[in-house]
Amino acid sequence: MNVELQPIDSLSRETLTDLIYSIFPEPHSHWEIQEEIEESYKDMVERISAIAWKGDKPIGAIICVDRGDVQIDHIGVLPNHQRMGVGRMLLRHAVDNAEESIISRIPKDNQAIIELMEEEGFEQVDEENNHYIYRYKRTE
């Protein structure tokens, strides 16, 4: 599979909203996703956020924000491209380009992303409601 990661600005906000909505259609409305994306852009850490492209089609994204801690706001891959290493590429991009630790809130019922996070060195540090909190601790 020929997938290339490009900067987050390689995609318009409108198309990014459409991509994220295609990845996570439930339980959010398109409008809610658009509001979340606009909120993410206010605090986005562009050097560690990226779009995964297969040819001329965006197939995944990682959006990281700085809200006191660097956080993964969204990470996802279109359903027909999942389980092919694209999510891992996106996560490694963030880890490799971050200058600090990264945290992420993971839904407790998303076993695939929990396994990916743990395989890539993230550790569960807390939990709240329906989410686990994972942290990748930068060591140097």
C-alpha atoms as a PDB file:
ATOM      1  CA  MET A   1       0.000   0.000   0.000  1.00  0.00           C
ATOM      2  CA  ASN A   2       1.443   3.330  -1.063  1.00  0.00           C
ATOM      3  CA  VAL A   3       0.473   5.830   1.652  1.00  0.00           C
ATOM      4  CA  GLU A   4       2.094   9.219   2.136  1.00  0.00           C
ATOM      5  CA  LEU A   5       1.809  11.501   5.152  1.00  0.00           C
ATOM      6  CA  GLN A   6       1.461  15.202   4.442  1.00  0.00           C
ATOM      7  CA  PRO A   7       1.044  18.273   6.645  1.00  0.00           C
ATOM      8  CA  ILE A   8      -2.400  18.937   8.043  1.00  0.00           C
ATOM      9  CA  ASP A   9      -2.743  21.996   5.797  1.00  0.00           C
ATOM     10  CA  SER A  10      -2.648  19.715   2.724  1.00  0.00           C
ATOM     11  CA  LEU A  11      -6.407  19.433   3.236  1.00  0.00           C
ATOM     12  CA  SER A  12      -8.986  22.214   3.561  1.00  0.00           C
ATOM     13  CA  ARG A  13     -10.915  22.438   6.818  1.00  0.00           C
ATOM     14  CA  GLU A  14     -14.123  21.528   5.019  1.00  0.00           C
ATOM     15  CA  THR A  15     -12.599  18.397   3.487  1.00  0.00           C
ATOM     16  CA  LEU A  16     -10.967  17.514   6.817  1.00  0.00           C
ATOM     17  CA  THR A  17     -14.392  17.761   8.466  1.00  0.00           C
ATOM     18  CA  ASP A  18     -15.811  15.436   5.790  1.00  0.00           C
ATOM     19  CA  LEU A  19     -12.929  12.970   6.344  1.00  0.00           C
ATOM     20  CA  ILE A  20     -13.327  12.920  10.141  1.00  0.00           C
ATOM     21  CA  TYR A  21     -17.098  12.541   9.771  1.00  0.00           C
ATOM     22  CA  SER A  22     -16.563   9.592   7.396  1.00  0.00           C
ATOM     23  CA  ILE A  23     -14.289   7.976   9.986  1.00  0.00           C
ATOM     24  CA  PHE A  24     -16.536   8.700  12.994  1.00  0.00           C
ATOM     25  CA  PRO A  25     -20.127   9.089  11.720  1.00  0.00           C
ATOM     26  CA  GLU A  26     -21.728   8.002  14.984  1.00  0.00           C
ATOM     27  CA  PRO A  27     -22.828   9.509  17.335  1.00  0.00           C
ATOM     28  CA  HIS A  28     -21.767  12.909  16.013  1.00  0.00           C
ATOM     29  CA  SER A  29     -23.508  15.066  13.467  1.00  0.00           C
ATOM     30  CA  HIS A  30     -21.520  16.632  10.637  1.00  0.00           C
ATOM     31  CA  TRP A  31     -22.074  20.004  12.328  1.00  0.00           C
ATOM     32  CA  GLU A  32     -20.619  18.741  15.636  1.00  0.00           C
ATOM     33  CA  ILE A  33     -17.539  17.417  13.831  1.00  0.00           C
ATOM     34  CA  GLN A  34     -17.139  20.764  12.055  1.00  0.00           C
ATOM     35  CA  GLU A  35     -17.256  22.577  15.410  1.00  0.00           C
ATOM     36  CA  GLU A  36     -14.690  20.139  16.878  1.00  0.00           C
ATOM     37  CA  ILE A  37     -12.345  20.686  13.921  1.00  0.00           C
ATOM     38  CA  GLU A  38     -12.631  24.471  14.252  1.00  0.00           C
ATOM     39  CA  GLU A  39     -11.849  24.134  17.967  1.00  0.00           C
ATOM     40  CA  SER A  40      -8.855  21.908  17.175  1.00  0.00           C
ATOM     41  CA  TYR A  41      -7.432  24.483  14.746  1.00  0.00           C
ATOM     42  CA  LYS A  42      -7.211  27.052  17.564  1.00  0.00           C
ATOM     43  CA  ASP A  43      -4.639  24.965  19.481  1.00  0.00           C
ATOM     44  CA  MET A  44      -3.269  22.681  16.748  1.00  0.00           C
ATOM     45  CA  VAL A  45       0.333  21.545  16.849  1.00  0.00           C
ATOM     46  CA  GLU A  46       0.931  21.411  13.112  1.00  0.00           C
ATOM     47  CA  ARG A  47       4.341  19.689  13.178  1.00  0.00           C
ATOM     48  CA  ILE A  48       2.818  16.541  14.674  1.00  0.00           C
ATOM     49  CA  SER A  49      -0.607  16.623  12.998  1.00  0.00           C
ATOM     50  CA  ALA A  50      -0.859  14.984   9.567  1.00  0.00           C
ATOM     51  CA  ILE A  51      -3.071  13.651   6.796  1.00  0.00           C
ATOM     52  CA  ALA A  52      -2.558  10.187   5.304  1.00  0.00           C
ATOM     53  CA  TRP A  53      -3.000  10.145   1.530  1.00  0.00           C
ATOM     54  CA  LYS A  54      -3.350   7.181  -0.795  1.00  0.00           C
ATOM     55  CA  GLY A  55      -2.831   8.666  -4.228  1.00  0.00           C
ATOM     56  CA  ASP A  56      -5.018  11.760  -4.384  1.00  0.00           C
ATOM     57  CA  LYS A  57      -7.425  10.596  -1.682  1.00  0.00           C
ATOM     58  CA  PRO A  58      -7.153  11.460   2.042  1.00  0.00           C
ATOM     59  CA  ILE A  59      -7.701   8.260   4.031  1.00  0.00           C
ATOM     60  CA  GLY A  60      -6.748   9.185   7.593  1.00  0.00           C
ATOM     61  CA  ALA A  61      -5.685  11.937   9.952  1.00  0.00           C
ATOM     62  CA  ILE A  62      -4.091  12.697  13.278  1.00  0.00           C
ATOM     63  CA  ILE A  63      -4.872  16.051  14.846  1.00  0.00           C
ATOM     64  CA  CYS A  64      -2.829  17.050  17.882  1.00  0.00           C
ATOM     65  CA  VAL A  65      -3.485  20.108  20.022  1.00  0.00           C
ATOM     66  CA  ASP A  66      -1.702  21.920  22.830  1.00  0.00           C
ATOM     67  CA  ARG A  67      -4.042  22.526  25.758  1.00  0.00           C
ATOM     68  CA  GLY A  68      -1.465  22.632  28.513  1.00  0.00           C
ATOM     69  CA  ASP A  69      -0.409  19.143  27.465  1.00  0.00           C
ATOM     70  CA  VAL A  70      -0.069  17.964  23.887  1.00  0.00           C
ATOM     71  CA  GLN A  71      -3.135  15.853  23.199  1.00  0.00           C
ATOM     72  CA  ILE A  72      -4.318  13.704  20.333  1.00  0.00           C
ATOM     73  CA  ASP A  73      -7.665  15.283  19.524  1.00  0.00           C
ATOM     74  CA  HIS A  74      -8.511  12.956  16.626  1.00  0.00           C
ATOM     75  CA  ILE A  75      -6.837   9.950  15.070  1.00  0.00           C
ATOM     76  CA  GLY A  76      -8.578   7.755  12.575  1.00  0.00           C
ATOM     77  CA  VAL A  77      -8.554   5.989   9.254  1.00  0.00           C
ATOM     78  CA  LEU A  78     -11.397   5.404   6.817  1.00  0.00           C
ATOM     79  CA  PRO A  79     -13.011   2.013   7.513  1.00  0.00           C
ATOM     80  CA  ASN A  80     -11.927   0.430   4.218  1.00  0.00           C
ATOM     81  CA  HIS A  81      -8.269   1.330   4.969  1.00  0.00           C
ATOM     82  CA  GLN A  82      -8.152   0.189   8.605  1.00  0.00           C
ATOM     83  CA  ARG A  83      -5.916  -2.635   9.801  1.00  0.00           C
ATOM     84  CA  MET A  84      -3.332  -1.801   7.123  1.00  0.00           C
ATOM     85  CA  GLY A  85      -0.844   0.157   9.243  1.00  0.00           C
ATOM     86  CA  VAL A  86      -2.089   3.665   8.405  1.00  0.00           C
ATOM     87  CA  GLY A  87      -3.134   4.457  11.992  1.00  0.00           C
ATOM     88  CA  ARG A  88       0.273   3.265  13.192  1.00  0.00           C
ATOM     89  CA  MET A  89       1.989   5.531  10.621  1.00  0.00           C
ATOM     90  CA  LEU A  90      -0.020   8.507  11.864  1.00  0.00           C
ATOM     91  CA  LEU A  91       0.683   7.727  15.518  1.00  0.00           C
ATOM     92  CA  ARG A  92       4.416   7.234  14.905  1.00  0.00           C
ATOM     93  CA  HIS A  93       4.530  10.516  12.997  1.00  0.00           C
ATOM     94  CA  ALA A  94       3.165  12.322  16.043  1.00  0.00           C
ATOM     95  CA  VAL A  95       5.486  10.534  18.469  1.00  0.00           C
ATOM     96  CA  ASP A  96       8.562  11.056  16.274  1.00  0.00           C
ATOM     97  CA  ASN A  97       7.882  14.768  15.783  1.00  0.00           C
ATOM     98  CA  ALA A  98       6.711  15.695  19.274  1.00  0.00           C
ATOM     99  CA  GLU A  99       9.133  17.485  21.550  1.00  0.00           C
ATOM    100  CA  GLU A 100       7.072  16.612  24.606  1.00  0.00           C
ATOM    101  CA  SER A 101       4.852  13.912  26.032  1.00  0.00           C
ATOM    102  CA  ILE A 102       1.518  13.212  24.328  1.00  0.00           C
ATOM    103  CA  ILE A 103      -1.758  12.243  25.962  1.00  0.00           C
ATOM    104  CA  SER A 104      -4.861  10.731  24.437  1.00  0.00           C
ATOM    105  CA  ARG A 105      -8.374   9.914  25.644  1.00  0.00           C
ATOM    106  CA  ILE A 106      -9.406   6.536  24.243  1.00  0.00           C
ATOM    107  CA  PRO A 107     -12.955   5.173  24.428  1.00  0.00           C
ATOM    108  CA  LYS A 108     -12.949   2.082  26.639  1.00  0.00           C
ATOM    109  CA  ASP A 109     -14.723   0.083  23.949  1.00  0.00           C
ATOM    110  CA  ASN A 110     -12.133   0.771  21.205  1.00  0.00           C
ATOM    111  CA  GLN A 111      -9.875  -2.242  21.700  1.00  0.00           C
ATOM    112  CA  ALA A 112      -8.053  -1.753  18.381  1.00  0.00           C
ATOM    113  CA  ILE A 113      -6.750   1.727  19.269  1.00  0.00           C
ATOM    114  CA  ILE A 114      -5.968   0.639  22.844  1.00  0.00           C
ATOM    115  CA  GLU A 115      -3.784  -2.164  21.493  1.00  0.00           C
ATOM    116  CA  LEU A 116      -2.119   0.190  18.997  1.00  0.00           C
ATOM    117  CA  MET A 117      -1.374   2.766  21.684  1.00  0.00           C
ATOM    118  CA  GLU A 118       0.163   0.168  23.971  1.00  0.00           C
ATOM    119  CA  GLU A 119       2.215  -1.365  21.133  1.00  0.00           C
ATOM    120  CA  GLU A 120       3.597   2.111  20.351  1.00  0.00           C
ATOM    121  CA  GLY A 121       4.701   2.795  23.928  1.00  0.00           C
ATOM    122  CA  PHE A 122       1.716   4.647  25.358  1.00  0.00           C
ATOM    123  CA  GLU A 123       0.775   3.726  28.919  1.00  0.00           C
ATOM    124  CA  GLN A 124      -2.596   3.990  30.592  1.00  0.00           C
ATOM    125  CA  VAL A 125      -2.286   6.609  33.328  1.00  0.00           C
ATOM    126  CA  ASP A 126      -5.905   7.269  34.306  1.00  0.00           C
ATOM    127  CA  GLU A 127      -9.514   6.731  33.362  1.00  0.00           C
ATOM    128  CA  GLU A 128     -12.626   8.863  33.344  1.00  0.00           C
ATOM    129  CA  ASN A 129     -16.200   7.941  32.532  1.00  0.00           C
ATOM    130  CA  ASN A 130     -16.047   5.930  29.295  1.00  0.00           C
ATOM    131  CA  HIS A 131     -12.414   6.751  28.435  1.00  0.00           C
ATOM    132  CA  TYR A 132      -8.930   5.639  29.342  1.00  0.00           C
ATOM    133  CA  ILE A 133      -6.195   8.262  29.452  1.00  0.00           C
ATOM    134  CA  TYR A 134      -2.967   7.191  27.758  1.00  0.00           C
ATOM    135  CA  ARG A 135       0.384   8.981  27.792  1.00  0.00           C
ATOM    136  CA  TYR A 136       3.470   8.642  25.665  1.00  0.00           C
ATOM    137  CA  LYS A 137       6.299   9.924  27.796  1.00  0.00           C
ATOM    138  CA  ARG A 138       9.135  11.502  25.843  1.00  0.00           C
ATOM    139  CA  THR A 139      12.459  10.284  27.235  1.00  0.00           C
ATOM    140  CA  GLU A 140      15.746  11.935  26.365  1.00  0.00           C
END
